[in-house]
Amino acid sequence: MSTPLATHDHTPDSLPAALEFIKRTRWELRELRMVRVWKDRYQIIDVNKDYFEICGIGYPDADIVPLLRAVNAAFDPATIHDPTDAEYKEFLTGRRYTWAHDRVM
């Protein structure tokens, strides 16, 4: 892959800054396609394979869950922190909610 369009260095307790980075740079990409999460970085990739990256955070960290939810990634929060033999974990984006999913019947 090429170089990222933008990068952000994540430090512990700076989750709001990382979420603001996603919100600001999201519109520089086309339709989001997937997310790749390493042990130490997080990449958001669009349909043209352009991407931006957040360094310093990975799937073992607790702050990865809100970052994945910010781009509607399809993942299981119960198993996201489990170690893997692969180089990275890959999740598709664009998860949709059904109508009235938040209501109790």
C-alpha atoms as a PDB file:
ATOM      1  CA  MET A   1       0.000   0.000   0.000  1.00  0.00           C
ATOM      2  CA  SER A   2       1.008   3.610  -0.405  1.00  0.00           C
ATOM      3  CA  THR A   3       1.648   6.101   2.345  1.00  0.00           C
ATOM      4  CA  PRO A   4      -1.270   7.270   4.510  1.00  0.00           C
ATOM      5  CA  LEU A   5      -3.072  10.485   3.635  1.00  0.00           C
ATOM      6  CA  ALA A   6      -2.921  11.545   7.292  1.00  0.00           C
ATOM      7  CA  THR A   7      -1.576  10.142  10.548  1.00  0.00           C
ATOM      8  CA  HIS A   8      -2.264  10.721  14.210  1.00  0.00           C
ATOM      9  CA  ASP A   9      -0.107   9.666  17.170  1.00  0.00           C
ATOM     10  CA  HIS A  10      -2.313   8.294  19.926  1.00  0.00           C
ATOM     11  CA  THR A  11      -1.256   8.524  23.559  1.00  0.00           C
ATOM     12  CA  PRO A  12      -3.072   6.964  26.515  1.00  0.00           C
ATOM     13  CA  ASP A  13      -5.989   9.080  27.759  1.00  0.00           C
ATOM     14  CA  SER A  14      -6.258  10.965  24.458  1.00  0.00           C
ATOM     15  CA  LEU A  15      -9.285   9.154  23.031  1.00  0.00           C
ATOM     16  CA  PRO A  16     -11.219  12.400  22.322  1.00  0.00           C
ATOM     17  CA  ALA A  17      -8.324  13.644  20.170  1.00  0.00           C
ATOM     18  CA  ALA A  18      -8.299  10.388  18.165  1.00  0.00           C
ATOM     19  CA  LEU A  19     -12.082  10.543  17.655  1.00  0.00           C
ATOM     20  CA  GLU A  20     -11.771  14.167  16.525  1.00  0.00           C
ATOM     21  CA  PHE A  21      -9.035  13.119  14.076  1.00  0.00           C
ATOM     22  CA  ILE A  22     -11.371  10.482  12.596  1.00  0.00           C
ATOM     23  CA  LYS A  23     -14.211  12.974  12.353  1.00  0.00           C
ATOM     24  CA  ARG A  24     -12.017  15.610  10.678  1.00  0.00           C
ATOM     25  CA  THR A  25     -10.229  13.370   8.196  1.00  0.00           C
ATOM     26  CA  ARG A  26     -13.133  11.048   7.377  1.00  0.00           C
ATOM     27  CA  TRP A  27     -14.329  13.332   4.603  1.00  0.00           C
ATOM     28  CA  GLU A  28     -11.002  13.175   2.772  1.00  0.00           C
ATOM     29  CA  LEU A  29     -11.708   9.524   1.892  1.00  0.00           C
ATOM     30  CA  ARG A  30     -14.326   7.972  -0.366  1.00  0.00           C
ATOM     31  CA  GLU A  31     -16.744   5.357   0.946  1.00  0.00           C
ATOM     32  CA  LEU A  32     -15.064   3.424   3.748  1.00  0.00           C
ATOM     33  CA  ARG A  33     -14.300  -0.206   2.924  1.00  0.00           C
ATOM     34  CA  MET A  34     -12.393  -1.779   5.816  1.00  0.00           C
ATOM     35  CA  VAL A  35     -10.392  -1.282   8.959  1.00  0.00           C
ATOM     36  CA  ARG A  36      -7.104  -3.004   9.763  1.00  0.00           C
ATOM     37  CA  VAL A  37      -5.943  -3.164  13.364  1.00  0.00           C
ATOM     38  CA  TRP A  38      -2.395  -4.192  14.287  1.00  0.00           C
ATOM     39  CA  LYS A  39      -0.993  -4.428  17.809  1.00  0.00           C
ATOM     40  CA  ASP A  40       0.289  -0.870  17.534  1.00  0.00           C
ATOM     41  CA  ARG A  41      -1.697   0.924  14.809  1.00  0.00           C
ATOM     42  CA  TYR A  42      -5.144   1.344  13.288  1.00  0.00           C
ATOM     43  CA  GLN A  43      -5.866   2.010   9.587  1.00  0.00           C
ATOM     44  CA  ILE A  44      -9.100   3.102   7.934  1.00  0.00           C
ATOM     45  CA  ILE A  45      -9.194   2.221   4.219  1.00  0.00           C
ATOM     46  CA  ASP A  46     -11.625   3.425   1.541  1.00  0.00           C
ATOM     47  CA  VAL A  47     -12.728   1.828  -1.741  1.00  0.00           C
ATOM     48  CA  ASN A  48      -9.781   3.386  -3.625  1.00  0.00           C
ATOM     49  CA  LYS A  49      -7.324   1.920  -1.081  1.00  0.00           C
ATOM     50  CA  ASP A  50      -6.492   5.381   0.240  1.00  0.00           C
ATOM     51  CA  TYR A  51      -6.188   5.330   4.002  1.00  0.00           C
ATOM     52  CA  PHE A  52      -5.314   7.193   7.135  1.00  0.00           C
ATOM     53  CA  GLU A  53      -3.757   5.790  10.243  1.00  0.00           C
ATOM     54  CA  ILE A  54      -3.632   6.195  14.003  1.00  0.00           C
ATOM     55  CA  CYS A  55      -0.340   5.030  15.515  1.00  0.00           C
ATOM     56  CA  GLY A  56       0.087   3.975  19.128  1.00  0.00           C
ATOM     57  CA  ILE A  57      -3.161   2.028  19.543  1.00  0.00           C
ATOM     58  CA  GLY A  58      -4.047  -1.536  18.587  1.00  0.00           C
ATOM     59  CA  TYR A  59      -6.415  -4.396  19.246  1.00  0.00           C
ATOM     60  CA  PRO A  60      -5.047  -5.143  22.768  1.00  0.00           C
ATOM     61  CA  ASP A  61      -5.993  -1.616  23.933  1.00  0.00           C
ATOM     62  CA  ALA A  62      -9.379  -0.793  25.474  1.00  0.00           C
ATOM     63  CA  ASP A  63      -9.697   2.457  23.475  1.00  0.00           C
ATOM     64  CA  ILE A  64      -9.941   0.551  20.178  1.00  0.00           C
ATOM     65  CA  VAL A  65     -13.647  -0.243  20.675  1.00  0.00           C
ATOM     66  CA  PRO A  66     -14.882   3.389  20.406  1.00  0.00           C
ATOM     67  CA  LEU A  67     -12.602   3.958  17.409  1.00  0.00           C
ATOM     68  CA  LEU A  68     -14.041   0.934  15.604  1.00  0.00           C
ATOM     69  CA  ARG A  69     -17.585   2.046  16.430  1.00  0.00           C
ATOM     70  CA  ALA A  70     -16.829   5.522  15.063  1.00  0.00           C
ATOM     71  CA  VAL A  71     -16.500   4.049  11.553  1.00  0.00           C
ATOM     72  CA  ASN A  72     -19.287   1.440  11.935  1.00  0.00           C
ATOM     73  CA  ALA A  73     -16.918  -1.529  11.765  1.00  0.00           C
ATOM     74  CA  ALA A  74     -18.488  -4.985  12.047  1.00  0.00           C
ATOM     75  CA  PHE A  75     -16.641  -6.587  14.962  1.00  0.00           C
ATOM     76  CA  ASP A  76     -17.315  -8.495  18.186  1.00  0.00           C
ATOM     77  CA  PRO A  77     -16.398  -6.369  21.225  1.00  0.00           C
ATOM     78  CA  ALA A  78     -16.043  -9.511  23.348  1.00  0.00           C
ATOM     79  CA  THR A  79     -13.255 -10.964  21.202  1.00  0.00           C
ATOM     80  CA  ILE A  80     -11.548  -7.889  19.751  1.00  0.00           C
ATOM     81  CA  HIS A  81      -8.768  -7.970  22.360  1.00  0.00           C
ATOM     82  CA  ASP A  82      -7.900 -11.655  21.833  1.00  0.00           C
ATOM     83  CA  PRO A  83      -4.408 -12.271  20.395  1.00  0.00           C
ATOM     84  CA  THR A  84      -4.059 -13.582  16.851  1.00  0.00           C
ATOM     85  CA  ASP A  85      -1.350 -15.321  14.835  1.00  0.00           C
ATOM     86  CA  ALA A  86      -2.057 -13.079  11.840  1.00  0.00           C
ATOM     87  CA  GLU A  87      -0.237  -9.821  11.250  1.00  0.00           C
ATOM     88  CA  TYR A  88      -3.416  -7.763  11.766  1.00  0.00           C
ATOM     89  CA  LYS A  89      -7.180  -8.062  12.228  1.00  0.00           C
ATOM     90  CA  GLU A  90      -9.388  -6.840   9.381  1.00  0.00           C
ATOM     91  CA  PHE A  91     -13.017  -5.734   9.662  1.00  0.00           C
ATOM     92  CA  LEU A  92     -15.448  -4.448   7.047  1.00  0.00           C
ATOM     93  CA  THR A  93     -17.120  -1.108   7.671  1.00  0.00           C
ATOM     94  CA  GLY A  94     -20.622   0.054   6.915  1.00  0.00           C
ATOM     95  CA  ARG A  95     -22.503  -1.955   9.525  1.00  0.00           C
ATOM     96  CA  ARG A  96     -26.179  -0.977   9.515  1.00  0.00           C
ATOM     97  CA  TYR A  97     -28.739  -1.023  12.285  1.00  0.00           C
ATOM     98  CA  THR A  98     -32.285  -2.235  11.833  1.00  0.00           C
ATOM     99  CA  TRP A  99     -35.173   0.116  12.329  1.00  0.00           C
ATOM    100  CA  ALA A 100     -35.954   0.644  16.049  1.00  0.00           C
ATOM    101  CA  HIS A 101     -33.012  -1.485  17.199  1.00  0.00           C
ATOM    102  CA  ASP A 102     -32.736   0.581  20.370  1.00  0.00           C
ATOM    103  CA  ARG A 103     -36.359   0.173  21.452  1.00  0.00           C
ATOM    104  CA  VAL A 104     -37.572  -2.435  23.867  1.00  0.00           C
ATOM    105  CA  MET A 105     -40.714  -4.204  22.787  1.00  0.00           C
END
